[in-house]
Amino acid sequence: MSAADKLHQFGEMLAAASSRSRSQADSTVAEPSQTNPSATEDTTADYTAVKLESAVATPTTEAEREHEAATTNQPLSPLAGIDLDTAIRFRWALRDIKAKRTKLTPANPDDLKTLIEMGLVETRDDVPVLTNEGHRALD
């Protein structure tokens, strides 16, 4: 089966699915050509591209992510509200603490203090250790 035949078959499957859920179909999507069963590759590809573009999820805003986390009972990451560079630095510090690499690469004392205040790290015998929340933040 050639690529054009596969694209045509895929377009027919999309058209069938579209007709089943006509009430939910997007009014801007063009129907595939019904006059020629061996439609050109360009027609089928254009229809498929339009249909696939309408299926792509739109980016979510922070408010939508918070609402989704609240409705699914999953807490937001404690690192969610921090700027990207700081969050990356904190995640590496958490990974180093988890892997017990603090003798080779000690964590920045200010970062360690912040992680302790956030409840992600605690010290036992002067050695930083991840809390349960710290483990969840890495997962």
N, C-alpha and C. Protein backbone atom coordinates (compact mmCIF):
# COMPACT_ATOMS: atom_id res chain seq x y z
N MET A 1 0.85 -1.17 0.00
CA MET A 1 0.00 0.00 0.00
C MET A 1 0.90 1.23 0.00
N SER A 2 0.63 2.15 -0.92
CA SER A 2 1.47 3.33 -1.04
C SER A 2 1.12 4.35 0.04
N ALA A 3 1.99 5.34 0.18
CA ALA A 3 1.76 6.38 1.18
C ALA A 3 0.50 7.17 0.86
N ALA A 4 0.24 7.42 -0.43
CA ALA A 4 -0.96 8.15 -0.81
C ALA A 4 -2.21 7.36 -0.45
N ASP A 5 -2.18 6.02 -0.64
CA ASP A 5 -3.31 5.19 -0.28
C ASP A 5 -3.53 5.20 1.23
N LYS A 6 -2.45 5.15 2.00
CA LYS A 6 -2.58 5.19 3.45
C LYS A 6 -3.18 6.52 3.91
N LEU A 7 -2.71 7.62 3.31
CA LEU A 7 -3.26 8.93 3.67
C LEU A 7 -4.73 9.01 3.31
N HIS A 8 -5.10 8.47 2.15
CA HIS A 8 -6.49 8.48 1.73
C HIS A 8 -7.34 7.65 2.70
N GLN A 9 -6.84 6.49 3.09
CA GLN A 9 -7.56 5.62 4.02
C GLN A 9 -7.72 6.32 5.37
N PHE A 10 -6.68 7.00 5.82
CA PHE A 10 -6.74 7.74 7.09
C PHE A 10 -7.77 8.86 7.00
N GLY A 11 -7.80 9.56 5.86
CA GLY A 11 -8.79 10.62 5.66
C GLY A 11 -10.20 10.08 5.70
N GLU A 12 -10.42 8.90 5.11
CA GLU A 12 -11.75 8.29 5.14
C GLU A 12 -12.14 7.91 6.57
N MET A 13 -11.18 7.42 7.34
CA MET A 13 -11.47 7.07 8.73
C MET A 13 -11.84 8.31 9.52
N LEU A 14 -11.13 9.40 9.28
CA LEU A 14 -11.44 10.65 9.98
C LEU A 14 -12.82 11.16 9.57
N ALA A 15 -13.14 11.04 8.29
CA ALA A 15 -14.46 11.49 7.82
C ALA A 15 -15.56 10.67 8.47
N ALA A 16 -15.35 9.35 8.59
CA ALA A 16 -16.35 8.50 9.23
C ALA A 16 -16.54 8.88 10.69
N ALA A 17 -15.44 9.13 11.38
CA ALA A 17 -15.52 9.53 12.78
C ALA A 17 -16.20 10.88 12.91
N SER A 18 -15.95 11.75 11.96
CA SER A 18 -16.56 13.07 11.97
C SER A 18 -18.06 12.99 11.77
N SER A 19 -18.50 12.11 10.87
CA SER A 19 -19.93 11.99 10.63
C SER A 19 -20.66 11.38 11.82
N ARG A 20 -19.97 10.51 12.58
CA ARG A 20 -20.59 9.92 13.77
C ARG A 20 -20.80 10.95 14.86
N SER A 21 -19.90 11.90 14.95
CA SER A 21 -20.02 12.92 15.99
C SER A 21 -20.21 14.28 15.37
N ARG A 22 -21.18 14.38 14.47
CA ARG A 22 -21.43 15.62 13.72
C ARG A 22 -21.75 16.77 14.66
N SER A 23 -22.40 16.52 15.75
CA SER A 23 -22.76 17.60 16.67
C SER A 23 -21.54 18.22 17.33
N GLN A 24 -20.45 17.47 17.40
CA GLN A 24 -19.24 17.98 18.02
C GLN A 24 -18.21 18.42 17.00
N ALA A 25 -18.49 18.25 15.71
CA ALA A 25 -17.52 18.55 14.66
C ALA A 25 -17.28 20.04 14.58
N ASP A 26 -16.08 20.41 14.23
CA ASP A 26 -15.69 21.80 14.04
C ASP A 26 -16.22 22.27 12.70
N SER A 27 -16.95 23.38 12.65
CA SER A 27 -17.57 23.83 11.42
C SER A 27 -16.56 24.35 10.42
N THR A 28 -15.32 24.62 10.82
CA THR A 28 -14.32 25.13 9.89
C THR A 28 -13.57 24.04 9.15
N VAL A 29 -13.78 22.78 9.49
CA VAL A 29 -13.07 21.69 8.85
C VAL A 29 -13.76 21.34 7.55
N ALA A 30 -13.04 21.30 6.45
CA ALA A 30 -13.61 20.96 5.15
C ALA A 30 -13.76 19.45 5.02
N GLU A 31 -14.81 19.04 4.33
CA GLU A 31 -15.02 17.63 4.09
C GLU A 31 -14.12 17.16 2.95
N PRO A 32 -13.71 15.90 2.94
CA PRO A 32 -12.87 15.41 1.86
C PRO A 32 -13.67 15.31 0.56
N SER A 33 -12.97 15.34 -0.54
CA SER A 33 -13.60 15.27 -1.85
C SER A 33 -14.31 13.94 -2.02
N GLN A 34 -15.59 13.97 -2.39
CA GLN A 34 -16.37 12.75 -2.60
C GLN A 34 -16.51 12.43 -4.09
N THR A 35 -16.06 13.34 -4.98
CA THR A 35 -16.26 13.13 -6.41
C THR A 35 -15.28 12.13 -7.00
N ASN A 36 -14.10 12.06 -6.48
CA ASN A 36 -13.08 11.18 -7.05
C ASN A 36 -12.57 10.26 -5.96
N PRO A 37 -12.87 8.95 -6.02
CA PRO A 37 -12.40 8.06 -4.96
C PRO A 37 -10.89 7.96 -4.88
N SER A 38 -10.20 8.22 -5.96
CA SER A 38 -8.73 8.21 -5.91
C SER A 38 -8.25 9.65 -5.85
N ALA A 39 -8.64 10.35 -4.79
CA ALA A 39 -8.30 11.75 -4.63
C ALA A 39 -6.79 11.92 -4.62
N THR A 40 -6.36 13.08 -5.09
CA THR A 40 -4.92 13.32 -5.13
C THR A 40 -4.36 13.38 -3.73
N GLU A 41 -3.07 13.16 -3.63
CA GLU A 41 -2.40 13.15 -2.33
C GLU A 41 -2.53 14.50 -1.65
N ASP A 42 -2.50 15.60 -2.41
CA ASP A 42 -2.56 16.93 -1.84
C ASP A 42 -3.91 17.17 -1.16
N THR A 43 -5.01 16.74 -1.77
CA THR A 43 -6.33 16.95 -1.17
C THR A 43 -6.45 16.20 0.14
N THR A 44 -6.05 14.94 0.14
CA THR A 44 -6.14 14.13 1.35
C THR A 44 -5.20 14.66 2.41
N ALA A 45 -3.99 15.03 2.00
CA ALA A 45 -3.02 15.54 2.97
C ALA A 45 -3.53 16.84 3.59
N ASP A 46 -4.15 17.73 2.78
CA ASP A 46 -4.67 18.99 3.31
C ASP A 46 -5.78 18.71 4.31
N TYR A 47 -6.71 17.81 3.96
CA TYR A 47 -7.80 17.47 4.87
C TYR A 47 -7.26 16.87 6.16
N THR A 48 -6.31 15.96 6.04
CA THR A 48 -5.73 15.32 7.22
C THR A 48 -5.02 16.34 8.08
N ALA A 49 -4.28 17.25 7.45
CA ALA A 49 -3.55 18.27 8.21
C ALA A 49 -4.52 19.17 8.97
N VAL A 50 -5.62 19.57 8.31
CA VAL A 50 -6.61 20.43 8.97
C VAL A 50 -7.23 19.69 10.14
N LYS A 51 -7.59 18.42 9.93
CA LYS A 51 -8.23 17.63 10.98
C LYS A 51 -7.27 17.42 12.15
N LEU A 52 -5.99 17.14 11.85
CA LEU A 52 -5.01 16.92 12.91
C LEU A 52 -4.73 18.20 13.67
N GLU A 53 -4.70 19.34 12.97
CA GLU A 53 -4.47 20.61 13.65
C GLU A 53 -5.59 20.92 14.63
N SER A 54 -6.82 20.54 14.30
CA SER A 54 -7.92 20.81 15.21
C SER A 54 -7.87 19.89 16.42
N ALA A 55 -7.15 18.75 16.30
CA ALA A 55 -7.08 17.80 17.41
C ALA A 55 -5.94 18.13 18.37
N VAL A 56 -5.04 19.03 18.00
CA VAL A 56 -3.90 19.36 18.84
C VAL A 56 -4.38 20.16 20.04
N ALA A 57 -3.90 19.79 21.21
CA ALA A 57 -4.30 20.48 22.44
C ALA A 57 -3.71 21.88 22.48
N THR A 58 -4.47 22.82 23.00
CA THR A 58 -3.98 24.18 23.14
C THR A 58 -3.20 24.29 24.44
N PRO A 59 -2.21 25.19 24.48
CA PRO A 59 -1.44 25.33 25.71
C PRO A 59 -2.34 25.81 26.85
N THR A 60 -2.04 25.33 28.04
CA THR A 60 -2.85 25.70 29.19
C THR A 60 -2.19 26.83 29.97
N THR A 61 -3.01 27.60 30.62
CA THR A 61 -2.49 28.67 31.45
C THR A 61 -2.22 28.13 32.84
N GLU A 62 -1.54 28.94 33.63
CA GLU A 62 -1.22 28.51 35.00
C GLU A 62 -2.49 28.31 35.81
N ALA A 63 -3.49 29.15 35.59
CA ALA A 63 -4.75 29.02 36.32
C ALA A 63 -5.44 27.70 35.96
N GLU A 64 -5.38 27.30 34.68
CA GLU A 64 -5.99 26.04 34.27
C GLU A 64 -5.25 24.86 34.89
N ARG A 65 -3.92 24.94 34.96
CA ARG A 65 -3.15 23.86 35.58
C ARG A 65 -3.48 23.75 37.07
N GLU A 66 -3.63 24.90 37.75
CA GLU A 66 -3.98 24.86 39.17
C GLU A 66 -5.37 24.27 39.36
N HIS A 67 -6.32 24.64 38.49
CA HIS A 67 -7.67 24.10 38.58
C HIS A 67 -7.65 22.60 38.34
N GLU A 68 -6.87 22.15 37.35
CA GLU A 68 -6.78 20.72 37.07
C GLU A 68 -6.16 19.97 38.24
N ALA A 69 -5.13 20.54 38.86
CA ALA A 69 -4.51 19.90 40.02
C ALA A 69 -5.49 19.84 41.18
N ALA A 70 -6.30 20.87 41.34
CA ALA A 70 -7.27 20.88 42.43
C ALA A 70 -8.38 19.86 42.20
N THR A 71 -8.79 19.68 40.95
CA THR A 71 -9.87 18.75 40.67
C THR A 71 -9.41 17.30 40.66
N THR A 72 -8.13 17.06 40.42
CA THR A 72 -7.62 15.69 40.40
C THR A 72 -6.98 15.31 41.73
N ASN A 73 -7.05 16.17 42.72
CA ASN A 73 -6.49 15.93 44.05
C ASN A 73 -4.99 15.67 44.02
N GLN A 74 -4.30 16.20 43.02
CA GLN A 74 -2.85 16.09 42.97
C GLN A 74 -2.26 17.46 43.29
N PRO A 75 -1.43 17.53 44.33
CA PRO A 75 -0.86 18.83 44.69
C PRO A 75 0.14 19.29 43.64
N LEU A 76 0.24 20.61 43.48
CA LEU A 76 1.24 21.17 42.59
C LEU A 76 2.62 20.93 43.17
N SER A 77 3.61 20.86 42.32
CA SER A 77 4.98 20.68 42.76
C SER A 77 5.38 21.90 43.61
N PRO A 78 6.14 21.68 44.68
CA PRO A 78 6.58 22.82 45.48
C PRO A 78 7.52 23.74 44.70
N LEU A 79 8.07 23.24 43.60
CA LEU A 79 8.97 24.04 42.78
C LEU A 79 8.23 24.78 41.67
N ALA A 80 6.90 24.67 41.61
CA ALA A 80 6.12 25.23 40.51
C ALA A 80 6.16 26.75 40.48
N GLY A 81 6.19 27.41 41.60
CA GLY A 81 6.13 28.87 41.62
C GLY A 81 7.48 29.55 41.56
N ILE A 82 8.54 28.80 41.37
CA ILE A 82 9.90 29.35 41.39
C ILE A 82 10.37 29.57 39.96
N ASP A 83 11.22 30.57 39.77
CA ASP A 83 11.74 30.80 38.42
C ASP A 83 12.55 29.59 37.95
N LEU A 84 12.69 29.46 36.65
CA LEU A 84 13.24 28.25 36.04
C LEU A 84 14.66 27.94 36.51
N ASP A 85 15.54 28.93 36.54
CA ASP A 85 16.93 28.68 36.94
C ASP A 85 17.03 28.18 38.38
N THR A 86 16.26 28.79 39.26
CA THR A 86 16.27 28.37 40.65
C THR A 86 15.69 26.97 40.81
N ALA A 87 14.61 26.68 40.09
CA ALA A 87 13.99 25.36 40.16
C ALA A 87 14.96 24.28 39.68
N ILE A 88 15.69 24.57 38.61
CA ILE A 88 16.68 23.61 38.10
C ILE A 88 17.78 23.39 39.13
N ARG A 89 18.26 24.48 39.71
CA ARG A 89 19.32 24.36 40.73
C ARG A 89 18.84 23.56 41.94
N PHE A 90 17.59 23.81 42.38
CA PHE A 90 17.03 23.07 43.51
C PHE A 90 16.87 21.59 43.18
N ARG A 91 16.39 21.28 41.96
CA ARG A 91 16.22 19.87 41.58
C ARG A 91 17.56 19.15 41.55
N TRP A 92 18.60 19.81 41.07
CA TRP A 92 19.93 19.17 41.08
C TRP A 92 20.42 18.97 42.51
N ALA A 93 20.14 19.92 43.37
CA ALA A 93 20.54 19.77 44.78
C ALA A 93 19.78 18.59 45.40
N LEU A 94 18.47 18.49 45.09
CA LEU A 94 17.69 17.36 45.61
C LEU A 94 18.22 16.03 45.08
N ARG A 95 18.60 16.00 43.81
CA ARG A 95 19.16 14.77 43.24
C ARG A 95 20.48 14.40 43.90
N ASP A 96 21.32 15.41 44.13
CA ASP A 96 22.62 15.14 44.80
C ASP A 96 22.40 14.61 46.21
N ILE A 97 21.42 15.19 46.92
CA ILE A 97 21.14 14.73 48.29
C ILE A 97 20.59 13.30 48.24
N LYS A 98 19.71 13.02 47.31
CA LYS A 98 19.13 11.68 47.20
C LYS A 98 20.20 10.63 46.89
N ALA A 99 21.15 10.99 46.04
CA ALA A 99 22.21 10.05 45.65
C ALA A 99 23.39 10.08 46.62
N LYS A 100 23.27 10.85 47.68
CA LYS A 100 24.33 10.96 48.70
C LYS A 100 25.66 11.43 48.10
N ARG A 101 25.57 12.47 47.24
CA ARG A 101 26.76 13.05 46.63
C ARG A 101 27.13 14.37 47.28
N THR A 102 26.68 14.60 48.49
CA THR A 102 26.92 15.90 49.10
C THR A 102 28.36 16.08 49.57
N LYS A 103 29.11 15.00 49.72
CA LYS A 103 30.52 15.15 50.06
C LYS A 103 31.31 15.58 48.84
N LEU A 104 30.95 15.06 47.66
CA LEU A 104 31.64 15.44 46.43
C LEU A 104 31.22 16.82 45.95
N THR A 105 29.92 17.05 45.94
CA THR A 105 29.39 18.35 45.50
C THR A 105 28.43 18.86 46.56
N PRO A 106 28.94 19.54 47.56
CA PRO A 106 28.04 20.04 48.62
C PRO A 106 27.04 21.05 48.06
N ALA A 107 25.85 21.01 48.61
CA ALA A 107 24.80 21.94 48.19
C ALA A 107 25.12 23.34 48.70
N ASN A 108 24.70 24.33 47.94
CA ASN A 108 24.85 25.72 48.35
C ASN A 108 24.11 25.90 49.67
N PRO A 109 24.77 26.46 50.69
CA PRO A 109 24.11 26.61 52.00
C PRO A 109 22.79 27.39 51.94
N ASP A 110 22.72 28.41 51.07
CA ASP A 110 21.47 29.17 50.95
C ASP A 110 20.36 28.31 50.32
N ASP A 111 20.74 27.52 49.30
CA ASP A 111 19.77 26.63 48.69
C ASP A 111 19.31 25.57 49.68
N LEU A 112 20.24 25.03 50.44
CA LEU A 112 19.91 24.01 51.43
C LEU A 112 18.96 24.57 52.48
N LYS A 113 19.20 25.80 52.90
CA LYS A 113 18.34 26.45 53.89
C LYS A 113 16.93 26.62 53.32
N THR A 114 16.84 27.04 52.06
CA THR A 114 15.54 27.22 51.42
C THR A 114 14.81 25.90 51.28
N LEU A 115 15.54 24.84 50.88
CA LEU A 115 14.93 23.53 50.73
C LEU A 115 14.42 22.99 52.07
N ILE A 116 15.15 23.27 53.13
CA ILE A 116 14.71 22.86 54.47
C ILE A 116 13.44 23.62 54.85
N GLU A 117 13.40 24.94 54.56
CA GLU A 117 12.22 25.75 54.86
C GLU A 117 11.01 25.30 54.05
N MET A 118 11.24 24.81 52.84
CA MET A 118 10.16 24.32 51.99
C MET A 118 9.68 22.95 52.42
N GLY A 119 10.41 22.29 53.32
CA GLY A 119 10.02 20.98 53.81
C GLY A 119 10.45 19.84 52.90
N LEU A 120 11.39 20.11 51.98
CA LEU A 120 11.85 19.08 51.06
C LEU A 120 13.06 18.33 51.58
N VAL A 121 13.78 18.95 52.50
CA VAL A 121 15.02 18.38 53.03
C VAL A 121 15.03 18.57 54.53
N GLU A 122 15.65 17.61 55.23
CA GLU A 122 15.91 17.75 56.66
C GLU A 122 17.34 17.27 56.91
N THR A 123 17.91 17.67 58.03
CA THR A 123 19.26 17.23 58.34
C THR A 123 19.22 16.21 59.47
N ARG A 124 19.98 15.15 59.27
CA ARG A 124 20.14 14.11 60.28
C ARG A 124 21.63 13.90 60.48
N ASP A 125 22.10 14.12 61.68
CA ASP A 125 23.54 14.02 61.99
C ASP A 125 24.35 14.90 61.04
N ASP A 126 23.90 16.12 60.83
CA ASP A 126 24.55 17.10 59.96
C ASP A 126 24.66 16.65 58.51
N VAL A 127 23.82 15.71 58.09
CA VAL A 127 23.79 15.25 56.70
C VAL A 127 22.40 15.55 56.15
N PRO A 128 22.31 16.24 55.01
CA PRO A 128 20.98 16.50 54.45
C PRO A 128 20.35 15.23 53.89
N VAL A 129 19.04 15.07 54.15
CA VAL A 129 18.28 13.90 53.71
C VAL A 129 16.95 14.39 53.17
N LEU A 130 16.46 13.76 52.10
CA LEU A 130 15.17 14.14 51.53
C LEU A 130 14.03 13.69 52.44
N THR A 131 13.03 14.54 52.52
CA THR A 131 11.79 14.15 53.21
C THR A 131 10.89 13.44 52.18
N ASN A 132 9.76 12.96 52.64
CA ASN A 132 8.80 12.34 51.71
C ASN A 132 8.37 13.34 50.64
N GLU A 133 8.17 14.58 51.04
CA GLU A 133 7.80 15.62 50.09
C GLU A 133 8.93 15.88 49.09
N GLY A 134 10.15 15.79 49.53
CA GLY A 134 11.30 15.94 48.63
C GLY A 134 11.35 14.83 47.60
N HIS A 135 11.04 13.62 48.01
CA HIS A 135 10.98 12.50 47.06
C HIS A 135 9.87 12.70 46.06
N ARG A 136 8.70 13.19 46.52
CA ARG A 136 7.58 13.44 45.61
C ARG A 136 7.92 14.55 44.61
N ALA A 137 8.68 15.54 45.05
CA ALA A 137 9.05 16.64 44.16
C ALA A 137 9.94 16.15 43.01
N LEU A 138 10.72 15.11 43.25
CA LEU A 138 11.58 14.57 42.20
C LEU A 138 10.85 13.61 41.28
N ASP A 139 9.75 13.05 41.76
CA ASP A 139 9.00 12.08 40.93
C ASP A 139 8.12 12.74 39.94
